[in-house]
Structure formats: C-alpha cells, structure tokens
C-alpha cells in the first residue's frame, strides 16, 4: 500500500499556481462587466420586442380588432423568419 501524498514524498500532490491573481481580484472586473452585459441584452431584447409587437398590432388593426391574439404574434414572428410552433396558424 502506498503512503498518503505529502507524508513521505514531499512535492507530490496539489500545487497552487501562483501566476494568477487571487480569486477576489479576478472576480471584480467580471462583476463590472455584468452591468454592461445586462444593459446590452436589455437593448437587444427591446428592439426585438418592438419589431414583433409592431407587426402583431398591424395584423390586429388589419383585422379590425382591438385585442392582439396569439395568432397575430405567431404571424408576426413568422414574417420575421422566426416560426413558432404550437400556437395554431
């Protein structure tokens, strides 16, 4: 049976890499980036939803209705090349 690492064989086992900064220093810049990522995501999502809602409302107005239906959204998504299955149409 072999002895446990670190008992009789110094230098074997886990050795920490020293060329990286400590974890606290690594995480701070990433935390600062999260705000920018969320801001960019919100902007992209807002543009996407504006386009889909504009098309869905156009379908609703063309049908002389005041309520946007699920099919209006399905047709709006299909018009933009993003087919959605499972809601009719």
PDB file of N, CA and C in Angstrom:
ATOM      1  N   UNK A   1       0.837  -1.172   0.000  1.00  0.00           N
ATOM      2  CA  UNK A   1       0.000   0.000   0.000  1.00  0.00           C
ATOM      3  C   UNK A   1       0.888   1.243   0.000  1.00  0.00           C
ATOM      4  N   UNK A   2       0.555   2.213  -0.832  1.00  0.00           N
ATOM      5  CA  UNK A   2       1.356   3.424  -0.925  1.00  0.00           C
ATOM      6  C   UNK A   2       1.000   4.383   0.202  1.00  0.00           C
ATOM      7  N   UNK A   3       1.998   5.099   0.708  1.00  0.00           N
ATOM      8  CA  UNK A   3       1.694   6.084   1.747  1.00  0.00           C
ATOM      9  C   UNK A   3       0.915   7.260   1.155  1.00  0.00           C
ATOM     10  N   UNK A   4       0.219   7.979   2.010  1.00  0.00           N
ATOM     11  CA  UNK A   4      -0.571   9.129   1.568  1.00  0.00           C
ATOM     12  C   UNK A   4       0.350  10.207   1.010  1.00  0.00           C
ATOM     13  N   UNK A   5      -0.145  10.949   0.045  1.00  0.00           N
ATOM     14  CA  UNK A   5       0.648  12.019  -0.552  1.00  0.00           C
ATOM     15  C   UNK A   5       0.966  13.068   0.504  1.00  0.00           C
ATOM     16  N   UNK A   6       2.172  13.542   0.477  1.00  0.00           N
ATOM     17  CA  UNK A   6       2.560  14.592   1.397  1.00  0.00           C
ATOM     18  C   UNK A   6       3.209  14.077   2.662  1.00  0.00           C
ATOM     19  N   UNK A   7       3.122  12.808   2.929  1.00  0.00           N
ATOM     20  CA  UNK A   7       3.719  12.266   4.154  1.00  0.00           C
ATOM     21  C   UNK A   7       5.202  11.970   3.929  1.00  0.00           C
ATOM     22  N   UNK A   8       5.497  11.067   3.021  1.00  0.00           N
ATOM     23  CA  UNK A   8       6.878  10.665   2.811  1.00  0.00           C
ATOM     24  C   UNK A   8       7.454  11.215   1.511  1.00  0.00           C
ATOM     25  N   UNK A   9       6.609  11.711   0.619  1.00  0.00           N
ATOM     26  CA  UNK A   9       7.077  12.187  -0.670  1.00  0.00           C
ATOM     27  C   UNK A   9       6.768  13.683  -0.789  1.00  0.00           C
ATOM     28  N   UNK A  10       7.623  14.531  -0.289  1.00  0.00           N
ATOM     29  CA  UNK A  10       7.337  15.961  -0.384  1.00  0.00           C
ATOM     30  C   UNK A  10       7.365  16.414  -1.845  1.00  0.00           C
ATOM     31  N   UNK A  11       6.485  17.331  -2.177  1.00  0.00           N
ATOM     32  CA  UNK A  11       6.432  17.845  -3.535  1.00  0.00           C
ATOM     33  C   UNK A  11       5.372  17.190  -4.381  1.00  0.00           C
ATOM     34  N   UNK A  12       4.809  16.063  -3.945  1.00  0.00           N
ATOM     35  CA  UNK A  12       3.745  15.424  -4.700  1.00  0.00           C
ATOM     36  C   UNK A  12       2.400  15.938  -4.194  1.00  0.00           C
ATOM     37  N   UNK A  13       1.455  15.972  -5.052  1.00  0.00           N
ATOM     38  CA  UNK A  13       0.122  16.407  -4.663  1.00  0.00           C
ATOM     39  C   UNK A  13      -0.222  17.747  -5.284  1.00  0.00           C
ATOM     40  N   UNK A  14      -1.204  18.399  -4.716  1.00  0.00           N
ATOM     41  CA  UNK A  14      -1.730  19.640  -5.277  1.00  0.00           C
ATOM     42  C   UNK A  14      -0.743  20.776  -5.059  1.00  0.00           C
ATOM     43  N   UNK A  15      -0.471  21.497  -6.126  1.00  0.00           N
ATOM     44  CA  UNK A  15       0.388  22.662  -6.018  1.00  0.00           C
ATOM     45  C   UNK A  15      -0.361  23.841  -6.627  1.00  0.00           C
ATOM     46  N   UNK A  16      -0.484  24.892  -5.876  1.00  0.00           N
ATOM     47  CA  UNK A  16      -1.241  26.053  -6.325  1.00  0.00           C
ATOM     48  C   UNK A  16      -0.422  26.843  -7.341  1.00  0.00           C
ATOM     49  N   UNK A  17      -1.079  27.254  -8.424  1.00  0.00           N
ATOM     50  CA  UNK A  17      -0.412  28.061  -9.437  1.00  0.00           C
ATOM     51  C   UNK A  17      -0.356  29.502  -8.951  1.00  0.00           C
ATOM     52  N   UNK A  18       0.814  30.093  -8.996  1.00  0.00           N
ATOM     53  CA  UNK A  18       0.997  31.432  -8.437  1.00  0.00           C
ATOM     54  C   UNK A  18       0.945  32.526  -9.500  1.00  0.00           C
ATOM     55  N   UNK A  19       0.850  32.160 -10.771  1.00  0.00           N
ATOM     56  CA  UNK A  19       0.884  33.184 -11.804  1.00  0.00           C
ATOM     57  C   UNK A  19      -0.463  33.882 -11.974  1.00  0.00           C
ATOM     58  N   UNK A  20      -1.511  33.404 -11.315  1.00  0.00           N
ATOM     59  CA  UNK A  20      -2.818  34.050 -11.390  1.00  0.00           C
ATOM     60  C   UNK A  20      -3.022  34.923 -10.159  1.00  0.00           C
ATOM     61  N   UNK A  21      -3.737  36.022 -10.306  1.00  0.00           N
ATOM     62  CA  UNK A  21      -4.066  36.811  -9.120  1.00  0.00           C
ATOM     63  C   UNK A  21      -5.087  36.071  -8.268  1.00  0.00           C
ATOM     64  N   UNK A  22      -5.211  36.418  -7.000  1.00  0.00           N
ATOM     65  CA  UNK A  22      -6.204  35.761  -6.140  1.00  0.00           C
ATOM     66  C   UNK A  22      -7.615  35.907  -6.698  1.00  0.00           C
ATOM     67  N   UNK A  23      -8.521  35.012  -6.283  1.00  0.00           N
ATOM     68  CA  UNK A  23      -9.871  34.995  -6.843  1.00  0.00           C
ATOM     69  C   UNK A  23     -10.598  36.311  -6.642  1.00  0.00           C
ATOM     70  N   UNK A  24     -10.375  36.968  -5.523  1.00  0.00           N
ATOM     71  CA  UNK A  24     -11.060  38.236  -5.272  1.00  0.00           C
ATOM     72  C   UNK A  24     -10.695  39.261  -6.336  1.00  0.00           C
ATOM     73  N   UNK A  25      -9.457  39.265  -6.784  1.00  0.00           N
ATOM     74  CA  UNK A  25      -9.041  40.207  -7.815  1.00  0.00           C
ATOM     75  C   UNK A  25      -9.547  39.786  -9.190  1.00  0.00           C
ATOM     76  N   UNK A  26      -9.732  38.496  -9.421  1.00  0.00           N
ATOM     77  CA  UNK A  26     -10.227  38.025 -10.709  1.00  0.00           C
ATOM     78  C   UNK A  26     -11.695  38.361 -10.888  1.00  0.00           C
ATOM     79  N   UNK A  27     -12.468  38.338  -9.818  1.00  0.00           N
ATOM     80  CA  UNK A  27     -13.911  38.480  -9.936  1.00  0.00           C
ATOM     81  C   UNK A  27     -14.352  39.926 -10.061  1.00  0.00           C
ATOM     82  N   UNK A  28     -13.602  40.863  -9.568  1.00  0.00           N
ATOM     83  CA  UNK A  28     -14.044  42.244  -9.601  1.00  0.00           C
ATOM     84  C   UNK A  28     -14.235  42.777 -11.021  1.00  0.00           C
ATOM     85  N   UNK A  29     -13.303  42.594 -11.945  1.00  0.00           N
ATOM     86  CA  UNK A  29     -13.556  43.096 -13.295  1.00  0.00           C
ATOM     87  C   UNK A  29     -14.753  42.411 -13.959  1.00  0.00           C
ATOM     88  N   UNK A  30     -14.942  41.121 -13.699  1.00  0.00           N
ATOM     89  CA  UNK A  30     -16.080  40.423 -14.295  1.00  0.00           C
ATOM     90  C   UNK A  30     -17.383  40.981 -13.747  1.00  0.00           C
ATOM     91  N   UNK A  31     -17.405  41.301 -12.462  1.00  0.00           N
ATOM     92  CA  UNK A  31     -18.616  41.866 -11.871  1.00  0.00           C
ATOM     93  C   UNK A  31     -18.936  43.209 -12.505  1.00  0.00           C
ATOM     94  N   UNK A  32     -17.926  43.970 -12.853  1.00  0.00           N
ATOM     95  CA  UNK A  32     -18.154  45.254 -13.504  1.00  0.00           C
ATOM     96  C   UNK A  32     -18.703  45.049 -14.913  1.00  0.00           C
ATOM     97  N   UNK A  33     -18.357  43.934 -15.560  1.00  0.00           N
ATOM     98  CA  UNK A  33     -18.831  43.661 -16.911  1.00  0.00           C
ATOM     99  C   UNK A  33     -20.289  43.242 -16.937  1.00  0.00           C
ATOM    100  N   UNK A  34     -20.781  42.661 -15.832  1.00  0.00           N
ATOM    101  CA  UNK A  34     -22.153  42.172 -15.816  1.00  0.00           C
ATOM    102  C   UNK A  34     -23.145  43.286 -16.091  1.00  0.00           C
ATOM    103  N   UNK A  35     -22.915  44.457 -15.547  1.00  0.00           N
ATOM    104  CA  UNK A  35     -23.821  45.574 -15.793  1.00  0.00           C
ATOM    105  C   UNK A  35     -23.894  45.915 -17.265  1.00  0.00           C
ATOM    106  N   UNK A  36     -22.760  45.898 -17.940  1.00  0.00           N
ATOM    107  CA  UNK A  36     -22.736  46.202 -19.370  1.00  0.00           C
ATOM    108  C   UNK A  36     -23.427  45.110 -20.175  1.00  0.00           C
ATOM    109  N   UNK A  37     -23.243  43.858 -19.757  1.00  0.00           N
ATOM    110  CA  UNK A  37     -23.869  42.749 -20.473  1.00  0.00           C
ATOM    111  C   UNK A  37     -25.381  42.845 -20.360  1.00  0.00           C
ATOM    112  N   UNK A  38     -25.874  43.103 -19.141  1.00  0.00           N
ATOM    113  CA  UNK A  38     -27.320  43.206 -18.951  1.00  0.00           C
ATOM    114  C   UNK A  38     -27.887  44.393 -19.715  1.00  0.00           C
ATOM    115  N   UNK A  39     -27.169  45.489 -19.729  1.00  0.00           N
ATOM    116  CA  UNK A  39     -27.640  46.667 -20.458  1.00  0.00           C
ATOM    117  C   UNK A  39     -27.744  46.366 -21.953  1.00  0.00           C
ATOM    118  N   UNK A  40     -26.739  45.705 -22.495  1.00  0.00           N
ATOM    119  CA  UNK A  40     -26.758  45.350 -23.921  1.00  0.00           C
ATOM    120  C   UNK A  40     -27.884  44.367 -24.220  1.00  0.00           C
ATOM    121  N   UNK A  41     -28.080  43.388 -23.337  1.00  0.00           N
ATOM    122  CA  UNK A  41     -29.148  42.403 -23.524  1.00  0.00           C
ATOM    123  C   UNK A  41     -30.512  43.075 -23.505  1.00  0.00           C
ATOM    124  N   UNK A  42     -30.709  43.984 -22.566  1.00  0.00           N
ATOM    125  CA  UNK A  42     -31.989  44.702 -22.499  1.00  0.00           C
ATOM    126  C   UNK A  42     -32.246  45.486 -23.775  1.00  0.00           C
ATOM    127  N   UNK A  43     -31.197  46.123 -24.313  1.00  0.00           N
ATOM    128  CA  UNK A  43     -31.361  46.895 -25.541  1.00  0.00           C
ATOM    129  C   UNK A  43     -31.746  46.022 -26.724  1.00  0.00           C
ATOM    130  N   UNK A  44     -31.077  44.883 -26.869  1.00  0.00           N
ATOM    131  CA  UNK A  44     -31.377  43.969 -27.978  1.00  0.00           C
ATOM    132  C   UNK A  44     -32.785  43.408 -27.836  1.00  0.00           C
ATOM    133  N   UNK A  45     -33.154  43.021 -26.612  1.00  0.00           N
ATOM    134  CA  UNK A  45     -34.492  42.480 -26.374  1.00  0.00           C
ATOM    135  C   UNK A  45     -35.561  43.522 -26.658  1.00  0.00           C
ATOM    136  N   UNK A  46     -35.299  44.769 -26.289  1.00  0.00           N
ATOM    137  CA  UNK A  46     -36.276  45.837 -26.523  1.00  0.00           C
ATOM    138  C   UNK A  46     -36.518  46.032 -28.021  1.00  0.00           C
ATOM    139  N   UNK A  47     -35.448  46.044 -28.806  1.00  0.00           N
ATOM    140  CA  UNK A  47     -35.596  46.210 -30.261  1.00  0.00           C
ATOM    141  C   UNK A  47     -36.367  45.036 -30.851  1.00  0.00           C
ATOM    142  N   UNK A  48     -36.039  43.811 -30.414  1.00  0.00           N
ATOM    143  CA  UNK A  48     -36.727  42.623 -30.920  1.00  0.00           C
ATOM    144  C   UNK A  48     -38.219  42.683 -30.602  1.00  0.00           C
ATOM    145  N   UNK A  49     -38.550  43.007 -29.351  1.00  0.00           N
ATOM    146  CA  UNK A  49     -39.959  43.054 -28.962  1.00  0.00           C
ATOM    147  C   UNK A  49     -40.699  44.179 -29.668  1.00  0.00           C
ATOM    148  N   UNK A  50     -40.041  45.312 -29.861  1.00  0.00           N
ATOM    149  CA  UNK A  50     -40.694  46.412 -30.585  1.00  0.00           C
ATOM    150  C   UNK A  50     -41.078  45.972 -31.992  1.00  0.00           C
ATOM    151  N   UNK A  51     -40.188  45.262 -32.675  1.00  0.00           N
ATOM    152  CA  UNK A  51     -40.478  44.804 -34.037  1.00  0.00           C
ATOM    153  C   UNK A  51     -41.619  43.793 -34.055  1.00  0.00           C
ATOM    154  N   UNK A  52     -41.586  42.830 -33.130  1.00  0.00           N
ATOM    155  CA  UNK A  52     -42.637  41.807 -33.100  1.00  0.00           C
ATOM    156  C   UNK A  52     -43.977  42.438 -32.740  1.00  0.00           C
ATOM    157  N   UNK A  53     -43.992  43.304 -31.746  1.00  0.00           N
ATOM    158  CA  UNK A  53     -45.253  43.923 -31.315  1.00  0.00           C
ATOM    159  C   UNK A  53     -45.805  44.829 -32.407  1.00  0.00           C
ATOM    160  N   UNK A  54     -44.932  45.553 -33.100  1.00  0.00           N
ATOM    161  CA  UNK A  54     -45.401  46.413 -34.187  1.00  0.00           C
ATOM    162  C   UNK A  54     -46.103  45.577 -35.263  1.00  0.00           C
ATOM    163  N   UNK A  55     -45.492  44.447 -35.652  1.00  0.00           N
ATOM    164  CA  UNK A  55     -46.109  43.594 -36.664  1.00  0.00           C
ATOM    165  C   UNK A  55     -47.399  42.966 -36.151  1.00  0.00           C
ATOM    166  N   UNK A  56     -47.411  42.532 -34.893  1.00  0.00           N
ATOM    167  CA  UNK A  56     -48.616  41.913 -34.334  1.00  0.00           C
ATOM    168  C   UNK A  56     -49.760  42.917 -34.275  1.00  0.00           C
ATOM    169  N   UNK A  57     -49.470  44.145 -33.884  1.00  0.00           N
ATOM    170  CA  UNK A  57     -50.515  45.177 -33.837  1.00  0.00           C
ATOM    171  C   UNK A  57     -50.996  45.505 -35.244  1.00  0.00           C
ATOM    172  N   UNK A  58     -50.107  45.463 -36.219  1.00  0.00           N
ATOM    173  CA  UNK A  58     -50.519  45.697 -37.610  1.00  0.00           C
ATOM    174  C   UNK A  58     -51.508  44.630 -38.064  1.00  0.00           C
ATOM    175  N   UNK A  59     -51.237  43.358 -37.731  1.00  0.00           N
ATOM    176  CA  UNK A  59     -52.184  42.289 -38.061  1.00  0.00           C
ATOM    177  C   UNK A  59     -53.515  42.507 -37.347  1.00  0.00           C
ATOM    178  N   UNK A  60     -53.459  42.941 -36.094  1.00  0.00           N
ATOM    179  CA  UNK A  60     -54.685  43.170 -35.323  1.00  0.00           C
ATOM    180  C   UNK A  60     -55.507  44.296 -35.937  1.00  0.00           C
ATOM    181  N   UNK A  61     -54.857  45.391 -36.286  1.00  0.00           N
ATOM    182  CA  UNK A  61     -55.572  46.525 -36.876  1.00  0.00           C
ATOM    183  C   UNK A  61     -56.160  46.158 -38.236  1.00  0.00           C
ATOM    184  N   UNK A  62     -55.433  45.362 -38.997  1.00  0.00           N
ATOM    185  CA  UNK A  62     -55.943  44.961 -40.308  1.00  0.00           C
ATOM    186  C   UNK A  62     -57.219  44.131 -40.173  1.00  0.00           C
ATOM    187  N   UNK A  63     -57.301  43.339 -39.109  1.00  0.00           N
ATOM    188  CA  UNK A  63     -58.494  42.520 -38.877  1.00  0.00           C
ATOM    189  C   UNK A  63     -59.591  43.305 -38.161  1.00  0.00           C
ATOM    190  N   UNK A  64     -59.361  44.586 -37.914  1.00  0.00           N
ATOM    191  CA  UNK A  64     -60.328  45.468 -37.235  1.00  0.00           C
ATOM    192  C   UNK A  64     -60.695  44.941 -35.851  1.00  0.00           C
ATOM    193  N   UNK A  65     -59.684  44.495 -35.125  1.00  0.00           N
ATOM    194  CA  UNK A  65     -59.870  44.051 -33.746  1.00  0.00           C
ATOM    195  C   UNK A  65     -59.115  44.983 -32.817  1.00  0.00           C
ATOM    196  N   UNK A  66     -59.482  44.928 -31.536  1.00  0.00           N
ATOM    197  CA  UNK A  66     -58.782  45.736 -30.539  1.00  0.00           C
ATOM    198  C   UNK A  66     -57.905  44.883 -29.627  1.00  0.00           C
ATOM    199  N   UNK A  67     -57.988  43.577 -29.775  1.00  0.00           N
ATOM    200  CA  UNK A  67     -57.225  42.661 -28.938  1.00  0.00           C
ATOM    201  C   UNK A  67     -56.226  41.899 -29.801  1.00  0.00           C
ATOM    202  N   UNK A  68     -54.976  41.910 -29.379  1.00  0.00           N
ATOM    203  CA  UNK A  68     -53.940  41.148 -30.078  1.00  0.00           C
ATOM    204  C   UNK A  68     -54.071  39.686 -29.658  1.00  0.00           C
ATOM    205  N   UNK A  69     -54.206  38.797 -30.627  1.00  0.00           N
ATOM    206  CA  UNK A  69     -54.350  37.372 -30.333  1.00  0.00           C
ATOM    207  C   UNK A  69     -52.997  36.668 -30.467  1.00  0.00           C
ATOM    208  N   UNK A  70     -52.979  35.425 -30.021  1.00  0.00           N
ATOM    209  CA  UNK A  70     -51.758  34.625 -30.138  1.00  0.00           C
ATOM    210  C   UNK A  70     -51.390  34.419 -31.604  1.00  0.00           C
ATOM    211  N   UNK A  71     -52.394  34.266 -32.454  1.00  0.00           N
ATOM    212  CA  UNK A  71     -52.106  34.075 -33.881  1.00  0.00           C
ATOM    213  C   UNK A  71     -51.460  35.311 -34.491  1.00  0.00           C
ATOM    214  N   UNK A  72     -51.846  36.505 -34.016  1.00  0.00           N
ATOM    215  CA  UNK A  72     -51.196  37.719 -34.517  1.00  0.00           C
ATOM    216  C   UNK A  72     -49.701  37.690 -34.211  1.00  0.00           C
ATOM    217  N   UNK A  73     -49.353  37.240 -33.017  1.00  0.00           N
ATOM    218  CA  UNK A  73     -47.941  37.156 -32.636  1.00  0.00           C
ATOM    219  C   UNK A  73     -47.241  36.068 -33.444  1.00  0.00           C
ATOM    220  N   UNK A  74     -47.920  34.932 -33.647  1.00  0.00           N
ATOM    221  CA  UNK A  74     -47.328  33.843 -34.441  1.00  0.00           C
ATOM    222  C   UNK A  74     -47.053  34.316 -35.857  1.00  0.00           C
ATOM    223  N   UNK A  75     -48.009  35.024 -36.461  1.00  0.00           N
ATOM    224  CA  UNK A  75     -47.818  35.521 -37.825  1.00  0.00           C
ATOM    225  C   UNK A  75     -46.718  36.585 -37.880  1.00  0.00           C
ATOM    226  N   UNK A  76     -46.641  37.424 -36.840  1.00  0.00           N
ATOM    227  CA  UNK A  76     -45.592  38.444 -36.799  1.00  0.00           C
ATOM    228  C   UNK A  76     -44.212  37.792 -36.709  1.00  0.00           C
ATOM    229  N   UNK A  77     -44.092  36.754 -35.892  1.00  0.00           N
ATOM    230  CA  UNK A  77     -42.814  36.052 -35.787  1.00  0.00           C
ATOM    231  C   UNK A  77     -42.476  35.332 -37.087  1.00  0.00           C
ATOM    232  N   UNK A  78     -43.496  34.731 -37.721  1.00  0.00           N
ATOM    233  CA  UNK A  78     -43.263  34.025 -38.983  1.00  0.00           C
ATOM    234  C   UNK A  78     -42.797  35.005 -40.055  1.00  0.00           C
ATOM    235  N   UNK A  79     -43.354  36.217 -40.045  1.00  0.00           N
ATOM    236  CA  UNK A  79     -42.971  37.230 -41.015  1.00  0.00           C
ATOM    237  C   UNK A  79     -41.499  37.602 -40.867  1.00  0.00           C
ATOM    238  N   UNK A  80     -40.991  37.541 -39.646  1.00  0.00           N
ATOM    239  CA  UNK A  80     -39.592  37.891 -39.396  1.00  0.00           C
ATOM    240  C   UNK A  80     -38.661  36.687 -39.505  1.00  0.00           C
ATOM    241  N   UNK A  81     -39.205  35.550 -39.920  1.00  0.00           N
ATOM    242  CA  UNK A  81     -38.369  34.370 -40.113  1.00  0.00           C
ATOM    243  C   UNK A  81     -38.118  33.574 -38.853  1.00  0.00           C
ATOM    244  N   UNK A  82     -38.926  33.752 -37.825  1.00  0.00           N
ATOM    245  CA  UNK A  82     -38.782  33.026 -36.560  1.00  0.00           C
ATOM    246  C   UNK A  82     -40.080  32.281 -36.290  1.00  0.00           C
ATOM    247  N   UNK A  83     -40.278  31.184 -36.984  1.00  0.00           N
ATOM    248  CA  UNK A  83     -41.514  30.422 -36.875  1.00  0.00           C
ATOM    249  C   UNK A  83     -41.655  29.838 -35.482  1.00  0.00           C
ATOM    250  N   UNK A  84     -42.856  29.996 -34.910  1.00  0.00           N
ATOM    251  CA  UNK A  84     -43.159  29.486 -33.577  1.00  0.00           C
ATOM    252  C   UNK A  84     -44.243  28.435 -33.725  1.00  0.00           C
ATOM    253  N   UNK A  85     -43.975  27.226 -33.235  1.00  0.00           N
ATOM    254  CA  UNK A  85     -44.922  26.126 -33.353  1.00  0.00           C
ATOM    255  C   UNK A  85     -45.707  25.962 -32.061  1.00  0.00           C
ATOM    256  N   UNK A  86     -46.929  25.449 -32.182  1.00  0.00           N
ATOM    257  CA  UNK A  86     -47.706  25.090 -31.011  1.00  0.00           C
ATOM    258  C   UNK A  86     -48.795  26.064 -30.637  1.00  0.00           C
ATOM    259  N   UNK A  87     -48.970  27.142 -31.386  1.00  0.00           N
ATOM    260  CA  UNK A  87     -49.998  28.116 -31.053  1.00  0.00           C
ATOM    261  C   UNK A  87     -50.976  28.323 -32.200  1.00  0.00           C
ATOM    262  N   UNK A  88     -51.090  27.372 -33.097  1.00  0.00           N
ATOM    263  CA  UNK A  88     -52.001  27.482 -34.234  1.00  0.00           C
ATOM    264  C   UNK A  88     -51.355  28.237 -35.378  1.00  0.00           C
ATOM    265  N   UNK A  89     -52.074  28.255 -36.500  1.00  0.00           N
ATOM    266  CA  UNK A  89     -51.583  29.002 -37.650  1.00  0.00           C
ATOM    267  C   UNK A  89     -50.582  28.226 -38.421  1.00  0.00           C
TER     268      UNK A  89
END
